[in-house]
Protein backbone atom coordinates (compact mmCIF):
# COMPACT_ATOMS: atom_id res chain seq x y z
CA UNK A 1 0.00 0.00 0.00
CA UNK A 2 1.29 3.48 -0.85
CA UNK A 3 1.76 5.70 2.18
CA UNK A 4 2.09 9.51 2.20
CA UNK A 5 5.82 9.20 2.88
CA UNK A 6 6.25 6.90 -0.14
CA UNK A 7 5.01 9.59 -2.57
CA UNK A 8 6.85 12.54 -1.09
CA UNK A 9 10.20 14.07 -1.79
CA UNK A 10 12.02 12.94 -4.93
CA UNK A 11 9.07 11.01 -6.40
CA UNK A 12 6.84 14.12 -6.28
CA UNK A 13 9.56 16.23 -7.88
CA UNK A 14 9.56 13.86 -10.87
CA UNK A 15 5.87 14.47 -11.57
CA UNK A 16 4.89 16.67 -14.53
CA UNK A 17 3.27 20.03 -13.68
CA UNK A 18 -0.24 19.67 -12.27
CA UNK A 19 -1.60 22.12 -14.85
CA UNK A 20 -0.37 19.87 -17.69
CA UNK A 21 -1.96 16.79 -16.12
CA UNK A 22 -5.25 18.65 -15.63
CA UNK A 23 -5.23 19.94 -19.23
CA UNK A 24 -4.64 16.39 -20.48
CA UNK A 25 -7.54 14.91 -18.46
CA UNK A 26 -10.00 17.57 -19.65
CA UNK A 27 -8.83 17.47 -23.27
CA UNK A 28 -8.93 13.65 -23.29
CA UNK A 29 -12.48 13.69 -21.96
CA UNK A 30 -13.61 16.34 -24.43
CA UNK A 31 -11.39 15.16 -27.34
CA UNK A 32 -11.12 18.85 -28.18
CA UNK A 33 -8.57 21.48 -27.19
CA UNK A 34 -11.18 24.19 -27.80
CA UNK A 35 -13.78 22.58 -25.51
CA UNK A 36 -11.09 21.94 -22.89
CA UNK A 37 -10.05 25.58 -23.07
CA UNK A 38 -13.65 26.70 -22.44
CA UNK A 39 -13.92 24.43 -19.40
CA UNK A 40 -10.60 25.59 -17.96
CA UNK A 41 -11.11 29.30 -18.83
CA UNK A 42 -7.92 29.48 -20.90
CA UNK A 43 -7.16 29.68 -24.62
CA UNK A 44 -6.87 26.62 -26.91
CA UNK A 45 -3.25 27.60 -27.50
CA UNK A 46 -2.61 27.40 -23.74
CA UNK A 47 -4.14 23.90 -23.64
CA UNK A 48 -2.00 22.85 -26.58
CA UNK A 49 1.12 24.19 -24.87
CA UNK A 50 0.31 22.27 -21.67
CA UNK A 51 -0.22 19.04 -23.65
CA UNK A 52 3.07 19.49 -25.54
CA UNK A 53 4.84 20.08 -22.21
CA UNK A 54 3.38 16.84 -20.83
CA UNK A 55 4.28 14.88 -23.96
CA UNK A 56 7.85 16.19 -23.79
CA UNK A 57 8.08 15.17 -20.14
CA UNK A 58 6.82 11.64 -20.90
CA UNK A 59 8.70 11.33 -24.20
CA UNK A 60 5.68 10.08 -26.17
CA UNK A 61 2.61 11.54 -27.94
CA UNK A 62 -0.74 11.39 -26.22
CA UNK A 63 -3.03 12.73 -28.99
CA UNK A 64 -3.15 12.43 -32.76
CA UNK A 65 -5.14 14.23 -35.40
CA UNK A 66 -7.36 12.14 -37.65
CA UNK A 67 -8.89 14.46 -40.22
CA UNK A 68 -10.71 17.19 -38.23
CA UNK A 69 -11.03 15.07 -35.08
CA UNK A 70 -8.72 14.53 -32.11
CA UNK A 71 -8.01 11.04 -30.82
CA UNK A 72 -5.99 9.56 -28.00
CA UNK A 73 -2.93 7.48 -28.76
CA UNK A 74 -2.57 4.11 -27.05
CA UNK A 75 -0.36 5.75 -24.41
CA UNK A 76 -2.98 8.46 -23.92
CA UNK A 77 -5.70 5.84 -23.41
CA UNK A 78 -3.50 4.04 -20.86
CA UNK A 79 -2.76 7.27 -18.98
CA UNK A 80 -6.29 8.68 -18.76
CA UNK A 81 -8.06 6.34 -16.26
CA UNK A 82 -5.43 6.61 -13.52
CA UNK A 83 -5.13 10.39 -13.82
CA UNK A 84 -8.91 10.83 -13.90
CA UNK A 85 -9.24 8.79 -10.69
CA UNK A 86 -6.47 10.82 -9.07
CA UNK A 87 -8.23 14.11 -9.84
CA UNK A 88 -11.57 12.71 -8.62
CA UNK A 89 -9.88 11.75 -5.35
CA UNK A 90 -8.42 15.26 -5.02
CA UNK A 91 -11.83 16.86 -5.63
CA UNK A 92 -13.57 14.56 -3.13
CA UNK A 93 -10.90 15.15 -0.48
CA UNK A 94 -11.07 18.92 -0.85
CA UNK A 95 -14.88 18.80 -0.79
CA UNK A 96 -14.83 16.84 2.48
CA UNK A 97 -12.45 19.38 3.94
CA UNK A 98 -14.78 22.20 2.89
CA UNK A 99 -17.80 20.38 4.33
CA UNK A 100 -15.97 19.93 7.63
CA UNK A 101 -15.18 23.64 7.73
CA UNK A 102 -18.80 24.54 6.88
CA UNK A 103 -20.06 22.22 9.62
CA UNK A 104 -18.14 24.25 12.21
CA UNK A 105 -19.26 27.65 10.88
CA UNK A 106 -22.31 29.67 11.87
CA UNK A 107 -23.74 31.84 9.10
CA UNK A 108 -25.69 34.69 10.70
CA UNK A 109 -27.67 37.51 9.12
CA UNK A 110 -27.84 40.73 11.14
CA UNK A 111 -28.99 44.30 10.48
CA UNK A 112 -26.08 46.53 9.36
CA UNK A 113 -26.30 48.88 12.35
CA UNK A 114 -26.44 46.00 14.84
CA UNK A 115 -23.45 44.41 13.13
CA UNK A 116 -21.35 47.59 13.18
CA UNK A 117 -22.22 48.98 16.61
CA UNK A 118 -22.97 45.88 18.72
CA UNK A 119 -21.80 42.58 17.22
CA UNK A 120 -18.45 43.40 15.61
CA UNK A 121 -16.94 44.97 18.77
CA UNK A 122 -17.73 41.73 20.63
CA UNK A 123 -16.55 39.19 18.05
CA UNK A 124 -13.16 38.74 19.72
CA UNK A 125 -14.94 37.52 22.85
CA UNK A 126 -16.95 34.97 20.86
CA UNK A 127 -13.82 33.69 19.09
CA UNK A 128 -11.96 33.41 22.39
CA UNK A 129 -14.78 31.52 24.12
CA UNK A 130 -15.53 29.29 21.10
CA UNK A 131 -12.21 28.77 19.27
CA UNK A 132 -13.54 25.84 17.23
CA UNK A 133 -16.52 27.73 15.80
CA UNK A 134 -16.25 30.01 12.79
CA UNK A 135 -18.64 32.91 12.26
CA UNK A 136 -19.76 34.25 8.90
CA UNK A 137 -21.65 37.55 9.24
CA UNK A 138 -23.90 38.96 6.50
CA UNK A 139 -25.37 42.43 7.07
CA UNK A 140 -28.90 42.77 5.74
CA UNK A 141 -32.14 44.50 6.68
CA UNK A 142 -34.33 42.03 4.77
CA UNK A 143 -36.08 39.06 6.32
CA UNK A 144 -34.13 35.85 5.67
CA UNK A 145 -35.49 33.10 3.43
CA UNK A 146 -33.75 30.23 5.20
CA UNK A 147 -34.80 27.78 2.47
CA UNK A 148 -32.92 29.73 -0.21
CA UNK A 149 -30.28 31.83 1.50
CA UNK A 150 -27.02 30.69 3.05
CA UNK A 151 -27.89 31.57 6.64
CA UNK A 152 -28.23 29.40 9.73
CA UNK A 153 -29.74 32.05 11.98
CA UNK A 154 -30.45 35.76 12.21
CA UNK A 155 -30.74 38.67 14.61
CA UNK A 156 -33.68 40.92 13.84
CA UNK A 157 -35.12 44.09 15.36
CA UNK A 158 -38.89 43.94 15.42
CA UNK A 159 -42.01 42.64 17.13
CA UNK A 160 -40.76 39.05 17.36
CA UNK A 161 -43.44 37.58 15.10
CA UNK A 162 -41.58 35.19 12.81
CA UNK A 163 -43.90 32.31 11.89
CA UNK A 164 -42.45 28.82 11.99
CA UNK A 165 -39.17 29.98 13.50
CA UNK A 166 -37.47 29.42 16.82
CA UNK A 167 -37.45 32.91 18.39
CA UNK A 168 -35.65 34.16 21.51
CA UNK A 169 -35.83 37.75 22.72
CA UNK A 170 -32.33 39.09 23.27
CA UNK A 171 -32.84 42.61 24.63
CA UNK A 172 -35.28 45.49 24.66
CA UNK A 173 -34.54 48.94 23.31
CA UNK A 174 -34.87 52.60 24.25
CA UNK A 175 -34.44 55.79 22.25
CA UNK A 176 -32.28 58.66 23.47
CA UNK A 177 -30.67 61.85 22.12
CA UNK A 178 -26.86 61.60 21.85
CA UNK A 179 -24.15 63.98 20.72
CA UNK A 180 -20.40 64.55 20.83
CA UNK A 181 -19.03 65.84 24.17
CA UNK A 182 -17.95 69.09 22.48
CA UNK A 183 -21.59 70.07 21.92
CA UNK A 184 -22.39 70.34 25.62
CA UNK A 185 -19.50 72.71 26.36
CA UNK A 186 -19.10 76.39 25.59
CA UNK A 187 -21.12 79.54 26.26
CA UNK A 188 -24.41 77.88 25.23
CA UNK A 189 -24.20 74.37 26.73
CA UNK A 190 -26.70 71.80 25.61
CA UNK A 191 -28.25 71.52 29.08
CA UNK A 192 -31.96 71.69 28.16
CA UNK A 193 -34.02 70.47 25.19
CA UNK A 194 -34.82 74.11 24.33
CA UNK A 195 -31.15 74.51 23.35
CA UNK A 196 -31.83 72.22 20.40
CA UNK A 197 -33.19 75.28 18.60
CA UNK A 198 -29.61 76.22 17.77
CA UNK A 199 -28.38 72.69 16.99
CA UNK A 200 -28.54 70.44 13.96
CA UNK A 201 -30.97 67.55 14.39
CA UNK A 202 -29.74 64.19 13.00
CA UNK A 203 -32.55 61.87 11.90
CA UNK A 204 -32.25 58.09 12.21
CA UNK A 205 -34.78 56.85 9.65
CA UNK A 206 -34.53 53.26 10.89
CA UNK A 207 -36.72 54.40 13.79
CA UNK A 208 -39.62 54.80 11.39
CA UNK A 209 -39.92 50.99 11.12
CA UNK A 210 -41.05 50.84 14.76
CA UNK A 211 -44.59 52.28 15.03
CA UNK A 212 -44.12 52.89 18.78
CA UNK A 213 -40.81 54.70 18.41
CA UNK A 214 -40.67 58.50 18.70
CA UNK A 215 -39.08 60.68 16.05
CA UNK A 216 -37.74 64.18 16.78
CA UNK A 217 -41.18 65.75 16.41
CA UNK A 218 -42.71 63.35 18.94
CA UNK A 219 -39.73 63.57 21.31
CA UNK A 220 -39.78 67.39 21.35
CA UNK A 221 -43.54 67.47 21.88
CA UNK A 222 -43.18 65.07 24.83
CA UNK A 223 -40.55 67.45 26.23
CA UNK A 224 -43.08 70.28 26.00
CA UNK A 225 -41.36 72.05 23.08
CA UNK A 226 -43.42 73.00 20.04
CA UNK A 227 -41.54 75.93 18.50
CA UNK A 228 -38.56 73.99 17.05
CA UNK A 229 -38.72 72.74 13.45
CA UNK A 230 -38.32 69.00 14.02
CA UNK A 231 -37.94 68.23 10.29
CA UNK A 232 -34.70 70.10 9.68
CA UNK A 233 -31.33 68.38 9.52
CA UNK A 234 -29.85 65.45 7.55
CA UNK A 235 -31.46 62.02 7.44
CA UNK A 236 -29.74 58.63 7.56
CA UNK A 237 -31.22 55.31 6.46
CA UNK A 238 -29.08 53.32 8.92
CA UNK A 239 -28.69 53.94 12.63
CA UNK A 240 -24.92 53.50 12.63
CA UNK A 241 -24.60 56.38 10.13
CA UNK A 242 -26.61 58.72 12.35
CA UNK A 243 -24.46 57.68 15.33
CA UNK A 244 -21.23 58.27 13.41
CA UNK A 245 -22.47 61.71 12.37
CA UNK A 246 -23.14 62.52 16.04
CA UNK A 247 -19.67 61.31 17.03
CA UNK A 248 -18.22 63.63 14.39
CA UNK A 249 -19.96 66.57 16.07
CA UNK A 250 -22.35 67.21 13.21
CA UNK A 251 -25.42 67.47 15.41
CA UNK A 252 -27.64 65.66 17.92
CA UNK A 253 -28.99 62.24 16.96
CA UNK A 254 -32.12 60.60 18.30
CA UNK A 255 -31.23 56.93 18.11
CA UNK A 256 -31.37 53.52 19.79
CA UNK A 257 -29.51 53.31 23.09
CA UNK A 258 -28.23 49.73 22.61
CA UNK A 259 -26.45 50.75 19.43
CA UNK A 260 -24.91 53.84 21.03
CA UNK A 261 -23.84 52.19 24.31
CA UNK A 262 -20.26 51.36 23.30
CA UNK A 263 -19.65 54.93 22.11
CA UNK A 264 -21.24 56.34 25.28
CA UNK A 265 -19.05 54.11 27.46
CA UNK A 266 -15.95 55.13 25.51
CA UNK A 267 -16.79 58.83 25.84
CA UNK A 268 -17.25 59.39 22.12
CA UNK A 269 -20.89 60.28 22.81
CA UNK A 270 -22.82 61.77 25.72
CA UNK A 271 -26.50 61.89 26.64
CA UNK A 272 -27.25 65.58 27.15
CA UNK A 273 -30.75 65.17 28.57
CA UNK A 274 -30.65 61.97 30.60
CA UNK A 275 -33.82 59.90 30.28
CA UNK A 276 -34.55 57.44 27.47
CA UNK A 277 -37.88 56.45 25.93
CA UNK A 278 -38.78 52.70 25.90
CA UNK A 279 -40.02 51.36 22.54
CA UNK A 280 -42.09 48.35 21.54
CA UNK A 281 -39.59 46.62 19.29
CA UNK A 282 -36.77 44.42 20.60
CA UNK A 283 -33.83 42.41 19.28
CA UNK A 284 -34.56 38.73 18.56
CA UNK A 285 -32.55 35.64 17.75
CA UNK A 286 -34.32 33.82 14.91
CA UNK A 287 -33.60 30.46 13.26
CA UNK A 288 -35.40 27.42 11.85
CA UNK A 289 -35.98 24.92 14.68
CA UNK A 290 -33.94 22.21 12.97
CA UNK A 291 -30.88 24.50 12.68
CA UNK A 292 -30.81 24.88 16.45
CA UNK A 293 -29.73 21.22 16.65
CA UNK A 294 -26.33 22.15 15.18
CA UNK A 295 -23.75 22.60 17.99
CA UNK A 296 -22.17 25.72 16.40
CA UNK A 297 -25.59 27.42 16.18
CA UNK A 298 -26.30 26.44 19.78
CA UNK A 299 -22.96 27.92 20.80
CA UNK A 300 -23.64 31.24 19.04
CA UNK A 301 -27.21 31.45 20.35
CA UNK A 302 -26.05 30.74 23.91
CA UNK A 303 -23.30 33.34 23.64
CA UNK A 304 -25.76 35.96 22.35
CA UNK A 305 -28.28 35.29 25.09
CA UNK A 306 -25.61 35.39 27.80
CA UNK A 307 -24.18 38.69 26.58
CA UNK A 308 -27.55 40.34 26.16
CA UNK A 309 -28.64 39.20 29.64
CA UNK A 310 -25.92 41.39 31.16
CA UNK A 311 -27.24 44.55 29.50
């Protein structure tokens, strides 16, 4: 029986180039350099060059022209079965390796703002606590079609009504004004909502998806202020963009507290007016029930729940 050590070293160095062997197998199967070139995404001339290189290495012809057709020589017919089996073995081995890697990977779909402001800063902790589990993150606002899309699970912000799915509430949410620390200093400190009359309002349009979530108009009215134009200022279709604009000192953003927490803790943002407004929507872990049987998905779900329970 041939062992790995028996085919290493000098014996491997005597092999023809792998590209020449591959070109021969495809051309022998197709009996056409042109068709082989199409399959390998090269030119017919490149296939012909690889075949000539292999024939020179072996010291014998492998193909012959008969009229307009291409045929294998006797040596070519003898060579083809063993090489074809060798390439099939290589393909199967690499496929098994890929399947093993996929089996240990969790493919999760998350909203872009949640990915940028909550999940990504915590990924090092997940990797450290689950070194054998890979994580593939896709940022998307759309609901996941688990039957068609390459996703094992998802995190979604909503009412938690996902028919046929396993659903776990991760954490609730509140809405709060935030701004850069520089905006609360100076001769006109931002120490009362009335001071917003002289500030740029940053609008987080993701809040509009939650029917119970206040926008600037509703927030100002609840604060007893009706003489400030609540429609002025730039709008952002993702919460993380509104937060980044606030960090840059471009104005005051009304946004979700969970997404702004890391920047508040780091001092990049401050809450000028204290209190936050609870909203109806929450963050949910969502997956098909059968996917929850996979250990990597269980590991990710458990890690999410544990981290969110501390908030």
